[in-house]
């Protein structure tokens, strides 16, 4: 049996054993047969390795390092029971017994919802020593892990919609909870990650970036917890309706025909309709998605004469900012400073003046991610906005007065060093600095 056949047999028999336990009593051939087959296949596979891992990564099924394509379709019971027990890995070790395997499947398919320490205690009490369940960690993830997790959630939600499924709300609610907590604990760091602009995954990165910026703006506007959550979810899923637009139109490198543009303009309505079908989604979320391309003066789309929801402009503004600062086939990216200037020209027309003012104050005169030249002739990146007025950035100085890259970059607060000032912005392309890599490393280190 080759490696792929062995993998498929293992997953098929785990899934079959879990499924049969709900349909038949213990000892029934339909229960014992897949367990016996699973035991034999695992033993053969473990002759060449010490352990085998079946895992969940961002809701996707993984066998060792291989992502299982259509895992949810092929092995739904594995995913269901791992989710119910908050398990993100099953580890089979060489030397396991049939008794341990049977007991493990009892634990996974049991009615008791045990997680974390209680789950480990139950495994131990049943004498399961060669098979372990890795629980989803209770500790906090760093912001880069949260960011990447959010991208994974958006990918999975959109993938499910494309397959005609109604996505679960739980993963979306959980990741918005994590992003919100990060915004409150270290807003500058997580806003720095919105500089991630992956061309191939633009739709997913853009969705996460808009959610981070919207939550940061919502925090600055002192929204309630409930309002913040609605804004965060709506921002994360604001483009979910694009799953109903042909891929060749979404990714078309040139200009769109009037018919293609009409298709694009359907995505807010399509998105709000998807939200209505998702269990546990507040109706406000659907409305915010519906209105995210309706401008303050009611131009834009869809056409509506109804008054806008007071929160929809938060997403409209955040969406515009991230789009302006991203390289697209039809535009060079604006620097953060340029993007704010462009948006300010549309105050009172495209954007609510009060909401835009709150955004400009929040994002700062020199937003996080802006490369600047200082009055000392040093060059660095804005990594924090240090005061409410937004004109006191903290700079990570990367290049010295002579223009050479520093071996030991250092932080400089312009609020504490009044004699130093910003004299101009710098195009990062004229330096050796990869801004995305910089913020990813900073986040991972934090």
Protein backbone atom coordinates (compact mmCIF):
# COMPACT_ATOMS: atom_id res chain seq x y z
CA UNK A 1 0.00 0.00 0.00
CA UNK A 2 1.53 3.34 -1.02
CA UNK A 3 1.66 6.40 1.22
CA UNK A 4 -1.46 8.08 -0.18
CA UNK A 5 -3.49 4.85 -0.05
CA UNK A 6 -2.41 4.33 3.56
CA UNK A 7 -3.36 7.92 4.49
CA UNK A 8 -6.77 7.63 2.84
CA UNK A 9 -7.41 4.26 4.51
CA UNK A 10 -6.55 5.65 7.95
CA UNK A 11 -8.81 8.69 7.55
CA UNK A 12 -11.63 6.64 6.00
CA UNK A 13 -11.62 4.14 8.89
CA UNK A 14 -11.40 6.81 11.61
CA UNK A 15 -14.37 8.56 10.01
CA UNK A 16 -16.26 5.29 9.54
CA UNK A 17 -15.66 4.18 13.13
CA UNK A 18 -16.88 7.52 14.54
CA UNK A 19 -19.94 7.51 12.31
CA UNK A 20 -20.93 3.93 13.14
CA UNK A 21 -20.76 4.56 16.90
CA UNK A 22 -23.77 6.83 16.62
CA UNK A 23 -25.73 4.28 14.58
CA UNK A 24 -24.91 0.89 16.12
CA UNK A 25 -24.34 -0.59 19.61
CA UNK A 26 -20.81 -1.50 20.83
CA UNK A 27 -19.59 -4.81 19.41
CA UNK A 28 -21.69 -4.56 16.26
CA UNK A 29 -19.68 -5.57 13.14
CA UNK A 30 -20.29 -2.13 11.64
CA UNK A 31 -18.47 -0.67 14.67
CA UNK A 32 -15.67 -3.20 15.05
CA UNK A 33 -14.80 -3.61 11.35
CA UNK A 34 -13.48 -0.08 10.71
CA UNK A 35 -11.60 -0.11 14.04
CA UNK A 36 -9.87 -3.38 13.15
CA UNK A 37 -8.98 -2.08 9.68
CA UNK A 38 -7.73 1.18 11.20
CA UNK A 39 -5.57 -0.71 13.68
CA UNK A 40 -3.96 -2.80 10.93
CA UNK A 41 -3.27 0.19 8.66
CA UNK A 42 -1.85 2.28 11.51
CA UNK A 43 0.45 -0.55 12.63
CA UNK A 44 1.81 -0.90 9.08
CA UNK A 45 2.37 2.84 8.75
CA UNK A 46 4.05 3.11 12.16
CA UNK A 47 6.73 0.59 11.15
CA UNK A 48 8.55 3.43 9.37
CA UNK A 49 7.77 6.34 11.74
CA UNK A 50 7.34 6.89 15.47
CA UNK A 51 3.99 8.68 15.24
CA UNK A 52 1.23 9.79 12.88
CA UNK A 53 -0.63 13.07 13.31
CA UNK A 54 -4.14 13.89 12.13
CA UNK A 55 -4.82 17.58 12.71
CA UNK A 56 -7.05 20.58 12.16
CA UNK A 57 -5.43 23.80 10.96
CA UNK A 58 -7.80 26.73 10.59
CA UNK A 59 -10.75 24.32 10.27
CA UNK A 60 -8.97 22.33 7.50
CA UNK A 61 -8.08 18.64 7.92
CA UNK A 62 -4.36 17.82 7.75
CA UNK A 63 -2.61 14.42 7.70
CA UNK A 64 1.01 14.85 8.77
CA UNK A 65 2.01 17.86 6.62
CA UNK A 66 -0.54 17.26 3.85
CA UNK A 67 -3.69 19.38 3.56
CA UNK A 68 -6.61 17.07 2.75
CA UNK A 69 -8.47 18.57 -0.19
CA UNK A 70 -12.23 18.48 0.43
CA UNK A 71 -11.55 17.01 3.88
CA UNK A 72 -14.85 18.30 5.23
CA UNK A 73 -16.71 16.53 2.43
CA UNK A 74 -14.79 13.25 2.65
CA UNK A 75 -14.31 12.98 6.42
CA UNK A 76 -16.99 15.13 8.08
CA UNK A 77 -17.24 13.07 11.27
CA UNK A 78 -13.53 13.47 12.08
CA UNK A 79 -13.80 17.25 11.76
CA UNK A 80 -17.09 17.40 13.65
CA UNK A 81 -15.89 15.45 16.69
CA UNK A 82 -12.49 17.17 16.81
CA UNK A 83 -14.28 20.54 16.80
CA UNK A 84 -16.75 19.44 19.49
CA UNK A 85 -13.91 18.38 21.80
CA UNK A 86 -11.70 21.39 20.89
CA UNK A 87 -9.00 19.02 19.61
CA UNK A 88 -6.56 20.20 16.99
CA UNK A 89 -4.44 17.03 16.72
CA UNK A 90 -4.74 13.27 17.24
CA UNK A 91 -1.31 11.66 17.63
CA UNK A 92 -0.98 7.89 17.18
CA UNK A 93 2.27 6.48 18.56
CA UNK A 94 3.99 3.21 17.79
CA UNK A 95 2.95 0.52 20.29
CA UNK A 96 -0.73 1.46 20.64
CA UNK A 97 -3.24 -1.32 21.34
CA UNK A 98 -6.64 -2.11 19.85
CA UNK A 99 -8.10 -1.46 23.31
CA UNK A 100 -6.58 2.06 23.36
CA UNK A 101 -7.86 2.74 19.85
CA UNK A 102 -11.38 1.66 20.80
CA UNK A 103 -11.30 3.78 23.97
CA UNK A 104 -10.07 6.83 22.05
CA UNK A 105 -12.99 6.60 19.62
CA UNK A 106 -15.33 6.28 22.63
CA UNK A 107 -13.91 9.53 24.01
CA UNK A 108 -14.20 11.40 20.70
CA UNK A 109 -17.73 10.25 19.95
CA UNK A 110 -18.97 10.38 23.56
CA UNK A 111 -21.82 12.62 24.61
CA UNK A 112 -19.71 14.34 27.30
CA UNK A 113 -18.17 17.52 25.93
CA UNK A 114 -14.78 17.34 27.61
CA UNK A 115 -12.03 19.74 26.63
CA UNK A 116 -8.57 20.76 27.80
CA UNK A 117 -7.48 19.32 31.16
CA UNK A 118 -10.71 17.35 31.65
CA UNK A 119 -10.17 15.61 28.31
CA UNK A 120 -6.57 14.66 29.14
CA UNK A 121 -7.73 13.34 32.51
CA UNK A 122 -10.32 11.12 30.82
CA UNK A 123 -7.71 9.69 28.42
CA UNK A 124 -5.44 8.85 31.33
CA UNK A 125 -8.27 7.21 33.31
CA UNK A 126 -9.01 4.95 30.34
CA UNK A 127 -5.38 3.81 30.13
CA UNK A 128 -4.72 5.50 26.78
CA UNK A 129 -0.97 6.11 26.74
CA UNK A 130 0.07 5.61 23.10
CA UNK A 131 -2.53 7.93 21.58
CA UNK A 132 -2.81 11.57 22.58
CA UNK A 133 -5.14 14.44 21.82
CA UNK A 134 -3.66 17.90 21.55
CA UNK A 135 -6.18 20.46 22.74
CA UNK A 136 -6.51 23.86 21.15
CA UNK A 137 -4.25 25.96 23.39
CA UNK A 138 -5.91 28.14 25.98
CA UNK A 139 -3.00 30.57 25.93
CA UNK A 140 -2.94 33.61 23.68
CA UNK A 141 -1.52 33.43 20.18
CA UNK A 142 0.85 36.14 19.01
CA UNK A 143 -0.60 38.67 16.60
CA UNK A 144 1.00 37.13 13.50
CA UNK A 145 -0.65 33.80 14.37
CA UNK A 146 -3.96 35.62 14.90
CA UNK A 147 -3.58 37.43 11.56
CA UNK A 148 -2.78 34.22 9.68
CA UNK A 149 -5.61 32.47 11.52
CA UNK A 150 -8.01 35.16 10.34
CA UNK A 151 -6.86 34.72 6.73
CA UNK A 152 -7.54 30.99 7.14
CA UNK A 153 -11.03 31.63 8.50
CA UNK A 154 -11.92 33.89 5.55
CA UNK A 155 -10.56 31.31 3.08
CA UNK A 156 -12.61 28.54 4.68
CA UNK A 157 -15.81 30.59 4.86
CA UNK A 158 -15.55 31.62 1.21
CA UNK A 159 -14.61 28.09 0.19
CA UNK A 160 -17.70 26.69 1.90
CA UNK A 161 -19.94 29.27 0.21
CA UNK A 162 -18.48 28.36 -3.19
CA UNK A 163 -19.34 24.71 -2.49
CA UNK A 164 -22.94 25.67 -1.73
CA UNK A 165 -22.63 25.27 2.05
CA UNK A 166 -23.78 27.60 4.79
CA UNK A 167 -20.65 28.48 6.83
CA UNK A 168 -20.54 28.16 10.62
CA UNK A 169 -20.47 31.44 12.53
CA UNK A 170 -18.35 30.15 15.44
CA UNK A 171 -14.88 30.38 13.80
CA UNK A 172 -15.70 33.91 12.60
CA UNK A 173 -16.89 35.04 16.05
CA UNK A 174 -13.83 33.50 17.72
CA UNK A 175 -11.28 35.14 15.43
CA UNK A 176 -12.98 38.54 15.74
CA UNK A 177 -12.74 38.13 19.51
CA UNK A 178 -8.99 37.56 19.18
CA UNK A 179 -8.46 40.48 16.79
CA UNK A 180 -10.49 42.79 19.05
CA UNK A 181 -8.41 41.78 22.06
CA UNK A 182 -5.21 42.47 20.08
CA UNK A 183 -6.51 45.89 19.01
CA UNK A 184 -7.06 46.80 22.66
CA UNK A 185 -3.76 45.33 23.90
CA UNK A 186 -1.40 46.45 21.08
CA UNK A 187 -3.19 48.33 18.33
CA UNK A 188 -0.02 49.64 16.67
CA UNK A 189 1.44 46.16 16.23
CA UNK A 190 -1.64 44.60 14.67
CA UNK A 191 -2.27 47.65 12.44
CA UNK A 192 1.31 47.16 11.24
CA UNK A 193 0.28 43.76 9.88
CA UNK A 194 -2.25 45.43 7.58
CA UNK A 195 0.81 46.24 5.47
CA UNK A 196 0.66 42.58 4.36
CA UNK A 197 -0.53 42.81 0.77
CA UNK A 198 -0.39 39.35 -0.78
CA UNK A 199 -1.33 39.72 -4.45
CA UNK A 200 -2.39 36.07 -4.90
CA UNK A 201 -4.48 36.08 -1.73
CA UNK A 202 -5.60 39.70 -2.08
CA UNK A 203 -9.27 39.03 -1.27
CA UNK A 204 -8.42 37.24 1.99
CA UNK A 205 -5.68 39.59 3.21
CA UNK A 206 -7.81 42.60 2.28
CA UNK A 207 -10.74 41.21 4.30
CA UNK A 208 -8.56 40.77 7.39
CA UNK A 209 -6.92 44.19 6.96
CA UNK A 210 -10.30 45.94 6.69
CA UNK A 211 -11.48 44.16 9.84
CA UNK A 212 -8.39 45.24 11.82
CA UNK A 213 -8.66 48.86 10.66
CA UNK A 214 -12.44 48.91 11.30
CA UNK A 215 -12.02 47.54 14.83
CA UNK A 216 -9.28 50.10 15.53
CA UNK A 217 -11.53 52.91 14.30
CA UNK A 218 -14.48 51.50 16.25
CA UNK A 219 -12.36 51.50 19.38
CA UNK A 220 -11.35 55.13 18.77
CA UNK A 221 -15.04 56.01 18.38
CA UNK A 222 -15.78 54.25 21.69
CA UNK A 223 -18.30 51.78 20.29
CA UNK A 224 -19.97 49.32 22.65
CA UNK A 225 -18.73 45.72 22.78
CA UNK A 226 -21.76 44.60 20.78
CA UNK A 227 -21.25 47.29 18.12
CA UNK A 228 -17.54 46.48 17.85
CA UNK A 229 -18.28 42.81 17.28
CA UNK A 230 -20.82 43.58 14.53
CA UNK A 231 -18.36 45.94 12.81
CA UNK A 232 -15.50 43.42 13.07
CA UNK A 233 -17.51 40.53 11.61
CA UNK A 234 -19.08 42.66 8.85
CA UNK A 235 -15.65 44.01 7.89
CA UNK A 236 -14.11 40.52 7.82
CA UNK A 237 -16.92 39.23 5.59
CA UNK A 238 -17.65 42.42 3.63
CA UNK A 239 -16.57 40.82 0.34
CA UNK A 240 -18.11 37.39 0.95
CA UNK A 241 -20.60 38.14 -1.85
CA UNK A 242 -17.73 38.01 -4.36
CA UNK A 243 -17.99 34.22 -4.08
CA UNK A 244 -21.08 34.65 -6.29
CA UNK A 245 -19.13 36.50 -8.98
CA UNK A 246 -17.16 34.54 -11.59
CA UNK A 247 -13.46 34.15 -10.70
CA UNK A 248 -12.34 35.39 -14.12
CA UNK A 249 -14.14 38.70 -13.46
CA UNK A 250 -12.72 39.08 -9.93
CA UNK A 251 -9.15 38.46 -11.16
CA UNK A 252 -9.40 40.18 -14.56
CA UNK A 253 -6.19 42.18 -15.10
CA UNK A 254 -7.66 44.75 -17.49
CA UNK A 255 -10.70 47.01 -17.40
CA UNK A 256 -14.15 45.52 -16.88
CA UNK A 257 -16.96 45.68 -19.42
CA UNK A 258 -20.23 47.29 -18.29
CA UNK A 259 -21.77 43.80 -17.93
CA UNK A 260 -18.84 42.60 -15.81
CA UNK A 261 -18.99 45.73 -13.66
CA UNK A 262 -22.72 45.12 -13.09
CA UNK A 263 -21.84 41.63 -11.83
CA UNK A 264 -19.25 43.07 -9.41
CA UNK A 265 -21.82 45.53 -8.08
CA UNK A 266 -24.05 42.64 -7.03
CA UNK A 267 -21.63 41.45 -4.33
CA UNK A 268 -22.93 43.59 -1.40
CA UNK A 269 -26.46 42.21 -1.89
CA UNK A 270 -25.16 38.66 -2.38
CA UNK A 271 -23.06 39.02 0.77
CA UNK A 272 -25.91 40.29 2.93
CA UNK A 273 -28.07 37.37 1.72
CA UNK A 274 -25.38 34.86 2.71
CA UNK A 275 -25.21 36.38 6.20
CA UNK A 276 -29.00 35.98 6.61
CA UNK A 277 -28.55 32.23 6.12
CA UNK A 278 -25.76 31.88 8.69
CA UNK A 279 -26.97 30.88 12.11
CA UNK A 280 -26.17 33.27 14.95
CA UNK A 281 -25.40 36.33 12.82
CA UNK A 282 -26.89 39.63 13.97
CA UNK A 283 -28.98 41.31 11.24
CA UNK A 284 -26.86 44.46 11.65
CA UNK A 285 -23.93 42.56 10.10
CA UNK A 286 -25.87 41.90 6.90
CA UNK A 287 -26.90 45.53 6.67
CA UNK A 288 -23.34 46.80 7.10
CA UNK A 289 -22.18 44.46 4.34
CA UNK A 290 -25.02 45.61 2.10
CA UNK A 291 -24.05 49.28 2.59
CA UNK A 292 -20.24 49.12 2.47
CA UNK A 293 -20.12 50.54 -1.09
CA UNK A 294 -22.90 53.11 -0.56
CA UNK A 295 -21.17 56.45 -0.13
CA UNK A 296 -22.11 59.20 2.30
CA UNK A 297 -23.87 61.18 -0.45
CA UNK A 298 -25.70 57.97 -1.49
CA UNK A 299 -23.69 57.55 -4.67
CA UNK A 300 -21.98 54.20 -5.10
CA UNK A 301 -23.90 50.93 -5.04
CA UNK A 302 -26.41 49.37 -4.45
CA UNK A 303 -28.68 52.37 -5.07
CA UNK A 304 -30.73 53.14 -1.98
CA UNK A 305 -32.63 56.14 -0.65
CA UNK A 306 -32.71 54.77 2.91
CA UNK A 307 -30.57 56.47 5.54
CA UNK A 308 -27.28 54.67 6.14
CA UNK A 309 -26.61 52.69 9.29
CA UNK A 310 -24.41 54.84 11.57
CA UNK A 311 -21.66 52.18 11.56
CA UNK A 312 -21.46 51.34 7.85
CA UNK A 313 -19.10 54.23 7.07
CA UNK A 314 -16.49 52.67 9.38
CA UNK A 315 -16.19 49.77 6.93
CA UNK A 316 -16.45 52.01 3.85
CA UNK A 317 -13.53 54.15 5.07
CA UNK A 318 -11.40 51.20 6.18
CA UNK A 319 -12.06 49.43 2.87
CA UNK A 320 -11.01 52.52 0.89
CA UNK A 321 -7.81 53.00 2.92
CA UNK A 322 -6.62 49.42 2.50
CA UNK A 323 -7.50 49.42 -1.22
CA UNK A 324 -5.62 52.69 -1.81
CA UNK A 325 -2.47 51.41 -0.09
CA UNK A 326 -2.42 48.13 -2.08
CA UNK A 327 -0.78 47.42 -5.43
CA UNK A 328 -3.49 46.50 -7.94
CA UNK A 329 -3.33 45.76 -11.65
CA UNK A 330 -4.92 49.16 -12.27
CA UNK A 331 -3.06 51.28 -9.68
CA UNK A 332 0.28 51.78 -7.99
CA UNK A 333 -0.11 51.72 -4.20
CA UNK A 334 -0.43 55.05 -2.41
CA UNK A 335 1.71 55.55 0.66
CA UNK A 336 -0.34 55.69 3.88
CA UNK A 337 0.14 59.48 4.00
CA UNK A 338 -0.99 59.89 0.37
CA UNK A 339 -4.01 57.63 0.95
CA UNK A 340 -5.20 59.79 3.85
CA UNK A 341 -4.83 62.93 1.69
CA UNK A 342 -6.81 61.36 -1.16
CA UNK A 343 -9.58 60.30 1.21
CA UNK A 344 -9.72 63.72 2.86
CA UNK A 345 -10.59 65.24 -0.52
CA UNK A 346 -13.82 63.20 -0.49
CA UNK A 347 -14.98 64.24 2.98
CA UNK A 348 -18.69 65.09 2.89
CA UNK A 349 -19.16 63.28 -0.42
CA UNK A 350 -17.90 59.71 -0.23
CA UNK A 351 -17.21 59.77 3.50
CA UNK A 352 -19.02 60.97 6.60
CA UNK A 353 -16.91 63.95 7.80
CA UNK A 354 -17.11 62.98 11.49
CA UNK A 355 -16.20 59.33 10.89
CA UNK A 356 -13.38 60.33 8.53
CA UNK A 357 -12.03 62.80 11.09
CA UNK A 358 -12.01 60.05 13.72
CA UNK A 359 -10.18 57.80 11.23
CA UNK A 360 -7.54 60.43 10.41
CA UNK A 361 -6.94 61.04 14.12
CA UNK A 362 -6.72 57.31 14.77
CA UNK A 363 -4.42 56.48 11.84
CA UNK A 364 -2.17 59.49 12.53
CA UNK A 365 -0.42 62.13 10.49
CA UNK A 366 2.21 59.48 9.68
CA UNK A 367 0.38 56.12 9.86
CA UNK A 368 2.04 52.91 11.03
CA UNK A 369 3.97 51.50 8.06
CA UNK A 370 5.04 54.89 6.67
CA UNK A 371 8.73 55.18 5.79
CA UNK A 372 10.09 58.63 6.69
CA UNK A 373 13.25 60.70 6.50
CA UNK A 374 14.11 62.54 9.70
CA UNK A 375 15.73 65.95 10.19
CA UNK A 376 18.89 64.01 11.20
CA UNK A 377 18.88 62.47 7.65
CA UNK A 378 18.16 59.06 9.20
CA UNK A 379 15.44 56.89 7.64
CA UNK A 380 13.01 54.66 9.47
CA UNK A 381 9.54 53.14 9.67
CA UNK A 382 6.67 54.43 11.76
CA UNK A 383 5.84 51.60 14.19
CA UNK A 384 3.57 53.44 16.63
CA UNK A 385 1.40 56.54 16.91
CA UNK A 386 2.19 57.87 20.34
CA UNK A 387 -0.50 60.44 21.06
CA UNK A 388 -4.15 61.08 20.32
CA UNK A 389 -3.39 63.93 17.93
CA UNK A 390 -1.54 61.42 15.77
CA UNK A 391 1.45 63.70 15.19
CA UNK A 392 3.86 61.99 17.60
CA UNK A 393 5.07 58.84 15.80
CA UNK A 394 7.58 56.35 17.14
CA UNK A 395 10.14 55.57 14.43
CA UNK A 396 12.19 52.39 14.09
CA UNK A 397 15.37 53.94 12.65
CA UNK A 398 16.76 51.53 10.03
CA UNK A 399 19.28 53.70 8.10
CA UNK A 400 21.89 56.03 9.57
CA UNK A 401 22.79 59.61 8.66
CA UNK A 402 25.17 58.28 5.98
CA UNK A 403 22.37 56.28 4.35
CA UNK A 404 23.81 52.91 5.34
CA UNK A 405 21.63 50.23 6.89
CA UNK A 406 22.10 50.03 10.67
CA UNK A 407 23.28 46.78 12.25
CA UNK A 408 21.23 47.61 15.33
CA UNK A 409 18.04 49.54 14.46
CA UNK A 410 16.56 51.51 17.35
CA UNK A 411 13.27 53.15 18.29
CA UNK A 412 12.95 56.92 18.46
CA UNK A 413 9.90 58.65 19.91
CA UNK A 414 9.33 62.09 18.41
CA UNK A 415 7.22 63.00 21.43
CA UNK A 416 10.25 62.48 23.68
CA UNK A 417 12.78 63.90 21.20
CA UNK A 418 11.32 67.25 20.19
CA UNK A 419 14.50 68.35 18.41
CA UNK A 420 14.01 65.63 15.76
CA UNK A 421 11.22 65.91 13.17
CA UNK A 422 9.97 64.22 10.01
CA UNK A 423 11.07 66.09 6.90
CA UNK A 424 9.54 63.83 4.21
CA UNK A 425 8.14 60.42 3.43
CA UNK A 426 10.33 57.89 1.61
CA UNK A 427 9.32 55.34 -0.99
CA UNK A 428 10.26 51.95 0.53
CA UNK A 429 11.16 50.72 -2.98
CA UNK A 430 14.18 53.05 -2.88
CA UNK A 431 15.57 51.13 0.12
CA UNK A 432 16.40 47.50 0.93
CA UNK A 433 13.52 47.20 3.38
CA UNK A 434 10.66 44.76 2.81
CA UNK A 435 7.93 46.33 4.93
CA UNK A 436 5.80 43.17 5.07
CA UNK A 437 8.74 41.06 6.30
CA UNK A 438 9.64 43.76 8.81
CA UNK A 439 6.21 43.77 10.45
CA UNK A 440 5.89 39.98 10.30
CA UNK A 441 9.21 39.60 12.16
CA UNK A 442 8.24 42.28 14.68
CA UNK A 443 4.92 40.50 15.31
CA UNK A 444 6.50 37.05 15.64
CA UNK A 445 9.10 38.42 18.06
CA UNK A 446 6.38 40.05 20.14
